[in-house]
Amino acid sequence: MNKASCNICGGTKFKPGPGSRLSITRLPPLCEGCGSLERHRVLRSAFDRIRNPGFKKFNALIFTKDLSVAGGWFGSVHVSVPGSRDAIDVQKIKLENRSVDVVVCNHVLTHVPDYEKALKEITRVISDRGFAFISFSNPHFRAVTEDWGKADPNRHNQYRIFGSDIEQQLPSILPSAGILRVSQSDPVTATEDRAYIISKNIELLEAFAEAGWRVRFIHF
């Protein structure tokens, strides 16, 4: 049993993850209380650093159910669940420009045919006061993105696995936005992961960068 507690539910009991896997630090990663894994807790840690009471004035769009964030943080929330009646195609978001304050898209872009179009759509709908919080599946574990061009059922219906080269691609995909990389560790397994905050509001990104964590501007 891990000695640490889950920063999402406070649970202290953990077991092996899907496929009986352990974390890269050889600790059981799956919280028995809420079902969170390393990435959920890492991203929750990152979000907790920037979260403030002002979020209650924000509307949020969250792509698929996500333990990393809580709907009660925001004034209103739409969770887009694939296959549901209210699902939103991240590659073609049927919302007005600058109409969403916060967009959360964690570990989703591996599952869409055109991730560049999705990133542009996400940035298009972000309001001038808002931001997007985006993460990929462990891009720091490999140098180059591998894209096989179709949804592979043997690889969780993913189209690709991102590499660290996504950081070089983001500024050219989103030339009019600021991009901040944030790194955090899972409080349970000490596994590290990273996320990207995208905003048209540079002052907002500067404020986030002063939150006392490991950050790097990759486009400003």
Protein backbone atom coordinates (compact mmCIF):
# COMPACT_ATOMS: atom_id res chain seq x y z
CA MET A 1 0.00 0.00 0.00
CA ASN A 2 1.28 3.47 -0.88
CA LYS A 3 1.80 5.81 2.08
CA ALA A 4 0.74 8.89 0.12
CA SER A 5 -2.86 9.94 -0.37
CA CYS A 6 -4.78 10.66 -3.55
CA ASN A 7 -5.08 14.41 -4.15
CA ILE A 8 -8.46 13.91 -5.83
CA CYS A 9 -10.41 11.91 -3.25
CA GLY A 10 -8.01 11.60 -0.32
CA GLY A 11 -7.88 7.82 -0.63
CA THR A 12 -4.90 5.87 0.68
CA LYS A 13 -5.47 2.48 -0.93
CA PHE A 14 -3.98 1.73 -4.34
CA LYS A 15 -3.76 -1.29 -6.59
CA PRO A 16 -2.19 -2.17 -9.96
CA GLY A 17 -3.59 -0.37 -12.96
CA PRO A 18 -5.16 -1.81 -16.14
CA GLY A 19 -3.40 -4.97 -17.25
CA SER A 20 -2.02 -5.35 -13.71
CA ARG A 21 0.62 -2.73 -14.51
CA LEU A 22 2.63 -0.81 -11.93
CA SER A 23 3.86 2.74 -12.33
CA ILE A 24 7.35 3.42 -13.68
CA THR A 25 8.39 3.81 -10.03
CA ARG A 26 7.06 0.28 -9.36
CA LEU A 27 4.20 1.43 -7.18
CA PRO A 28 0.51 0.52 -7.70
CA PRO A 29 -1.09 3.54 -9.40
CA LEU A 30 -4.85 2.95 -9.33
CA CYS A 31 -6.72 4.70 -6.50
CA GLU A 32 -9.37 2.38 -5.08
CA GLY A 33 -11.40 5.39 -3.95
CA CYS A 34 -11.93 7.33 -7.18
CA GLY A 35 -10.25 5.26 -9.89
CA SER A 36 -7.62 7.87 -10.66
CA LEU A 37 -4.28 6.98 -12.25
CA GLU A 38 -0.96 8.84 -12.31
CA ARG A 39 -1.95 11.28 -15.06
CA HIS A 40 -5.19 12.29 -13.35
CA ARG A 41 -3.41 13.19 -10.13
CA VAL A 42 -0.54 14.96 -11.92
CA LEU A 43 -2.95 17.09 -13.91
CA ARG A 44 -5.06 17.78 -10.83
CA SER A 45 -1.89 19.00 -9.09
CA ALA A 46 -1.18 21.30 -12.02
CA PHE A 47 -4.73 22.62 -12.14
CA ASP A 48 -4.77 23.22 -8.38
CA ARG A 49 -1.86 25.64 -8.77
CA ILE A 50 -3.75 27.92 -11.13
CA ARG A 51 -7.27 27.46 -9.77
CA ASN A 52 -8.81 30.49 -8.06
CA PRO A 53 -12.27 31.77 -7.02
CA GLY A 54 -12.52 33.71 -10.28
CA PHE A 55 -13.12 30.45 -12.10
CA LYS A 56 -16.68 30.60 -10.79
CA LYS A 57 -17.28 33.30 -13.42
CA PHE A 58 -15.96 31.08 -16.20
CA ASN A 59 -17.78 28.69 -18.47
CA ALA A 60 -15.92 25.51 -19.30
CA LEU A 61 -15.88 22.90 -22.05
CA ILE A 62 -14.35 19.58 -21.04
CA PHE A 63 -13.65 16.92 -23.63
CA THR A 64 -14.64 13.55 -22.18
CA LYS A 65 -15.07 12.81 -18.48
CA ASP A 66 -11.93 13.82 -16.64
CA LEU A 67 -10.96 13.17 -13.02
CA SER A 68 -8.34 15.90 -13.29
CA VAL A 69 -10.93 18.66 -12.99
CA ALA A 70 -14.15 19.19 -11.06
CA GLY A 71 -17.19 20.75 -12.67
CA GLY A 72 -18.01 22.69 -9.51
CA TRP A 73 -14.96 24.88 -10.05
CA PHE A 74 -16.72 26.74 -12.87
CA GLY A 75 -19.91 28.73 -13.32
CA SER A 76 -21.14 26.39 -16.06
CA VAL A 77 -19.72 23.26 -17.64
CA HIS A 78 -20.35 21.18 -20.73
CA VAL A 79 -18.71 17.75 -20.72
CA SER A 80 -18.48 16.29 -24.21
CA VAL A 81 -18.66 12.50 -23.94
CA PRO A 82 -17.92 10.64 -27.20
CA GLY A 83 -21.00 8.93 -28.59
CA SER A 84 -23.44 10.89 -26.45
CA ARG A 85 -26.21 13.07 -27.84
CA ASP A 86 -24.42 16.24 -26.73
CA ALA A 87 -20.96 15.21 -27.93
CA ILE A 88 -18.88 17.92 -29.59
CA ASP A 89 -16.37 17.13 -32.34
CA VAL A 90 -13.11 18.71 -31.15
CA GLN A 91 -12.07 19.05 -34.81
CA LYS A 92 -15.16 21.12 -35.59
CA ILE A 93 -16.47 22.84 -32.48
CA LYS A 94 -19.86 24.34 -33.27
CA LEU A 95 -19.45 27.34 -30.99
CA GLU A 96 -18.75 31.01 -31.63
CA ASN A 97 -15.26 32.47 -31.62
CA ARG A 98 -14.01 33.40 -28.14
CA SER A 99 -17.12 31.93 -26.50
CA VAL A 100 -15.51 29.56 -23.97
CA ASP A 101 -13.40 30.61 -21.00
CA VAL A 102 -11.78 27.27 -20.22
CA VAL A 103 -11.28 24.28 -22.50
CA VAL A 104 -9.90 21.07 -20.99
CA CYS A 105 -8.63 18.43 -23.40
CA ASN A 106 -6.51 15.78 -21.68
CA HIS A 107 -5.27 12.68 -23.53
CA VAL A 108 -7.90 13.17 -26.24
CA LEU A 109 -5.90 14.26 -29.28
CA THR A 110 -4.38 10.80 -29.76
CA HIS A 111 -7.89 9.66 -30.67
CA VAL A 112 -8.80 12.17 -33.41
CA PRO A 113 -7.79 12.03 -37.09
CA ASP A 114 -6.60 15.67 -37.36
CA TYR A 115 -5.09 16.90 -34.12
CA GLU A 116 -3.78 20.13 -35.68
CA LYS A 117 -7.29 21.11 -36.71
CA ALA A 118 -8.50 20.23 -33.21
CA LEU A 119 -5.85 22.46 -31.60
CA LYS A 120 -6.82 25.35 -33.87
CA GLU A 121 -10.50 24.87 -33.06
CA ILE A 122 -9.82 24.80 -29.34
CA THR A 123 -7.81 28.02 -29.59
CA ARG A 124 -10.47 29.65 -31.76
CA VAL A 125 -13.19 29.27 -29.15
CA ILE A 126 -11.11 30.37 -26.14
CA SER A 127 -12.16 33.76 -24.81
CA ASP A 128 -9.66 36.58 -24.42
CA ARG A 129 -9.72 36.10 -20.64
CA GLY A 130 -9.52 32.33 -20.76
CA PHE A 131 -7.22 29.42 -21.56
CA ALA A 132 -7.02 25.84 -22.74
CA PHE A 133 -5.49 23.10 -20.59
CA ILE A 134 -4.17 20.32 -22.83
CA SER A 135 -2.11 17.20 -22.26
CA PHE A 136 -0.82 14.33 -24.33
CA SER A 137 0.14 10.78 -23.39
CA ASN A 138 3.63 11.09 -21.89
CA PRO A 139 5.30 12.96 -24.79
CA HIS A 140 8.58 13.20 -22.82
CA PHE A 141 9.03 9.42 -23.06
CA ARG A 142 9.82 9.52 -26.80
CA ALA A 143 11.43 12.04 -29.13
CA VAL A 144 9.28 11.72 -32.24
CA THR A 145 5.52 11.43 -32.68
CA GLU A 146 4.44 8.16 -34.28
CA ASP A 147 1.29 8.49 -36.38
CA TRP A 148 -0.19 5.42 -38.07
CA GLY A 149 -3.03 7.31 -39.76
CA LYS A 150 -6.01 5.35 -38.47
CA ALA A 151 -7.70 4.32 -35.24
CA ASP A 152 -5.91 1.14 -34.16
CA PRO A 153 -8.11 -1.13 -32.01
CA ASN A 154 -4.98 -2.85 -30.72
CA ARG A 155 -3.72 0.48 -29.38
CA HIS A 156 -6.83 1.79 -27.62
CA ASN A 157 -8.21 3.17 -30.93
CA GLN A 158 -5.47 5.77 -31.02
CA TYR A 159 -4.27 7.41 -34.23
CA ARG A 160 -0.85 8.25 -32.84
CA ILE A 161 1.48 8.46 -29.88
CA PHE A 162 2.93 11.92 -29.33
CA GLY A 163 6.62 12.55 -28.80
CA SER A 164 8.43 15.55 -27.38
CA ASP A 165 8.55 17.01 -30.90
CA ILE A 166 4.97 18.21 -30.32
CA GLU A 167 6.54 21.13 -28.45
CA GLN A 168 8.29 22.26 -31.63
CA GLN A 169 5.06 21.88 -33.60
CA LEU A 170 2.74 23.82 -31.29
CA PRO A 171 4.06 27.35 -32.07
CA SER A 172 3.61 26.82 -35.81
CA ILE A 173 0.16 25.29 -35.35
CA LEU A 174 -0.94 28.10 -33.01
CA PRO A 175 1.18 31.14 -33.97
CA SER A 176 -1.19 33.68 -32.39
CA ALA A 177 -1.36 32.06 -28.94
CA GLY A 178 0.96 31.89 -25.96
CA ILE A 179 1.91 28.40 -24.80
CA LEU A 180 3.13 27.49 -21.33
CA ARG A 181 4.45 24.04 -20.44
CA VAL A 182 3.92 22.93 -16.86
CA SER A 183 5.46 19.88 -15.21
CA GLN A 184 4.28 18.14 -12.05
CA SER A 185 4.71 14.87 -10.17
CA ASP A 186 2.08 12.40 -9.03
CA PRO A 187 1.86 12.68 -5.21
CA VAL A 188 1.28 8.91 -5.00
CA THR A 189 3.88 7.35 -7.32
CA ALA A 190 6.20 10.34 -7.99
CA THR A 191 5.65 9.79 -11.72
CA GLU A 192 6.22 12.99 -13.71
CA ASP A 193 4.03 14.33 -16.49
CA ARG A 194 3.40 17.62 -18.22
CA ALA A 195 0.58 19.72 -19.61
CA TYR A 196 0.28 22.79 -21.84
CA ILE A 197 -1.68 25.94 -21.11
CA ILE A 198 -2.68 27.87 -24.21
CA SER A 199 -4.04 31.40 -24.06
CA LYS A 200 -4.36 34.60 -26.07
CA ASN A 201 -3.90 36.48 -22.80
CA ILE A 202 -0.18 36.78 -22.12
CA GLU A 203 -0.75 38.45 -18.76
CA LEU A 204 -2.74 35.41 -17.67
CA LEU A 205 0.08 33.08 -18.69
CA GLU A 206 2.60 35.23 -16.85
CA ALA A 207 0.45 35.00 -13.71
CA PHE A 208 0.24 31.23 -14.08
CA ALA A 209 4.03 31.07 -14.55
CA GLU A 210 4.50 32.75 -11.17
CA ALA A 211 2.58 30.04 -9.35
CA GLY A 212 5.79 28.48 -8.06
CA TRP A 213 6.09 25.38 -10.22
CA ARG A 214 8.24 24.05 -13.03
CA VAL A 215 7.24 25.97 -16.13
CA ARG A 216 8.64 26.84 -19.51
CA PHE A 217 7.30 29.21 -22.14
CA ILE A 218 7.52 27.43 -25.47
CA HIS A 219 5.79 30.26 -27.32
CA PHE A 220 5.21 33.79 -26.09
